[in-house]
């Protein structure tokens, strides 16, 4: 079964690791749980997570995948989350850099509205 497969994976193998150049938000994780755990029996999973010190569930996901966003203390080891029954994978939340170019705006132009597409 799917649960047996998730249970047979070593907890340390459930934690996603990033290259050293990737910055992560300490104490924030996305936790994917086994497909067999749906809303009807998610409460048992939630109780398991609540047994991990300094951890709270901030969001639940059911559409893209079955899981939770978890907020924890900065010292929380993700291995504690990976050991909870039904956990399939743990992702530390990472920061994304958005590269953009700042547009120059000429506020003295008589045709400012034409530049924005707004007609007078």
Protein backbone atom coordinates (compact mmCIF):
# COMPACT_ATOMS: atom_id res chain seq x y z
CA UNK A 1 0.00 0.00 0.00
CA UNK A 2 1.02 3.64 -0.33
CA UNK A 3 1.27 4.06 3.44
CA UNK A 4 3.58 1.07 3.70
CA UNK A 5 5.77 2.62 0.99
CA UNK A 6 5.94 5.97 2.84
CA UNK A 7 6.59 4.14 6.10
CA UNK A 8 9.42 2.12 4.55
CA UNK A 9 11.36 5.27 3.56
CA UNK A 10 13.94 6.38 6.12
CA UNK A 11 12.98 9.75 7.68
CA UNK A 12 16.21 11.41 6.53
CA UNK A 13 15.39 10.42 2.93
CA UNK A 14 12.04 12.24 3.14
CA UNK A 15 13.68 15.65 3.61
CA UNK A 16 14.34 17.65 0.45
CA UNK A 17 17.79 19.22 0.44
CA UNK A 18 18.85 22.20 -1.62
CA UNK A 19 22.26 23.31 -2.86
CA UNK A 20 24.15 25.49 -0.34
CA UNK A 21 23.45 28.62 -2.43
CA UNK A 22 19.67 28.33 -1.80
CA UNK A 23 18.43 30.32 1.20
CA UNK A 24 15.76 28.67 3.34
CA UNK A 25 13.36 30.19 5.85
CA UNK A 26 14.30 28.58 9.14
CA UNK A 27 11.38 26.92 10.90
CA UNK A 28 9.07 26.88 7.84
CA UNK A 29 8.22 23.67 6.04
CA UNK A 30 5.84 22.19 3.51
CA UNK A 31 4.91 18.68 4.57
CA UNK A 32 3.40 16.27 2.04
CA UNK A 33 1.41 13.42 3.51
CA UNK A 34 0.50 10.09 2.04
CA UNK A 35 -2.40 10.02 -0.41
CA UNK A 36 -4.25 7.55 1.80
CA UNK A 37 -4.61 10.24 4.48
CA UNK A 38 -7.48 12.46 3.39
CA UNK A 39 -9.65 14.94 5.26
CA UNK A 40 -11.44 12.12 7.08
CA UNK A 41 -8.32 10.87 8.82
CA UNK A 42 -6.12 13.99 8.65
CA UNK A 43 -6.91 14.59 12.32
CA UNK A 44 -4.68 11.68 13.33
CA UNK A 45 -1.87 13.21 11.29
CA UNK A 46 -2.49 16.62 12.88
CA UNK A 47 -2.25 15.05 16.34
CA UNK A 48 1.07 13.50 15.34
CA UNK A 49 2.38 16.88 14.17
CA UNK A 50 1.16 18.53 17.37
CA UNK A 51 3.38 16.13 19.33
CA UNK A 52 6.43 17.77 17.73
CA UNK A 53 7.50 20.65 20.03
CA UNK A 54 6.96 24.24 18.84
CA UNK A 55 5.14 23.27 15.62
CA UNK A 56 1.84 24.63 14.32
CA UNK A 57 0.00 23.96 11.07
CA UNK A 58 -0.61 27.19 9.19
CA UNK A 59 -2.33 25.89 6.02
CA UNK A 60 -3.70 22.67 4.57
CA UNK A 61 -3.41 21.75 0.88
CA UNK A 62 -5.67 19.28 -0.89
CA UNK A 63 -5.72 20.29 -4.57
CA UNK A 64 -2.14 20.29 -5.92
CA UNK A 65 -1.02 17.72 -3.37
CA UNK A 66 -2.02 16.40 0.03
CA UNK A 67 -0.17 18.29 2.76
CA UNK A 68 0.34 21.17 5.13
CA UNK A 69 2.40 24.32 5.63
CA UNK A 70 4.07 24.10 9.01
CA UNK A 71 5.53 26.87 11.16
CA UNK A 72 8.05 25.82 13.77
CA UNK A 73 10.79 27.30 15.90
CA UNK A 74 14.02 28.08 14.05
CA UNK A 75 15.71 25.22 15.89
CA UNK A 76 13.19 22.56 14.79
CA UNK A 77 14.91 19.69 13.01
CA UNK A 78 12.92 18.59 9.94
CA UNK A 79 13.72 14.99 10.84
CA UNK A 80 11.12 15.36 13.64
CA UNK A 81 8.48 16.11 11.01
CA UNK A 82 9.67 13.32 8.73
CA UNK A 83 9.21 10.80 11.55
CA UNK A 84 5.48 11.56 11.93
CA UNK A 85 3.37 8.66 10.63
CA UNK A 86 2.04 9.36 7.14
CA UNK A 87 4.65 11.97 6.14
CA UNK A 88 5.81 11.40 2.60
CA UNK A 89 8.15 14.37 2.08
CA UNK A 90 9.33 17.53 3.90
CA UNK A 91 10.40 20.65 2.02
CA UNK A 92 12.12 23.48 3.88
CA UNK A 93 10.56 26.71 2.57
CA UNK A 94 13.06 28.50 0.38
CA UNK A 95 13.38 32.11 -0.63
CA UNK A 96 12.99 32.97 -4.30
CA UNK A 97 14.83 35.86 -5.87
CA UNK A 98 12.77 37.79 -8.38
CA UNK A 99 14.93 39.63 -10.86
CA UNK A 100 13.34 42.69 -12.38
CA UNK A 101 14.39 45.87 -14.09
CA UNK A 102 13.25 49.15 -12.70
CA UNK A 103 11.41 51.19 -15.34
CA UNK A 104 12.36 54.81 -15.75
CA UNK A 105 9.36 57.11 -15.58
CA UNK A 106 9.47 60.57 -17.13
CA UNK A 107 6.86 62.50 -15.15
CA UNK A 108 7.52 65.74 -17.05
CA UNK A 109 6.34 64.38 -20.40
CA UNK A 110 3.22 65.90 -21.96
CA UNK A 111 2.40 62.49 -23.36
CA UNK A 112 2.53 60.56 -20.13
CA UNK A 113 -0.99 59.21 -20.60
CA UNK A 114 -0.13 57.99 -24.10
CA UNK A 115 2.79 56.03 -22.68
CA UNK A 116 0.55 54.20 -20.25
CA UNK A 117 -2.22 53.57 -22.76
CA UNK A 118 -4.65 55.81 -20.87
CA UNK A 119 -6.51 58.30 -23.03
CA UNK A 120 -7.59 61.65 -21.66
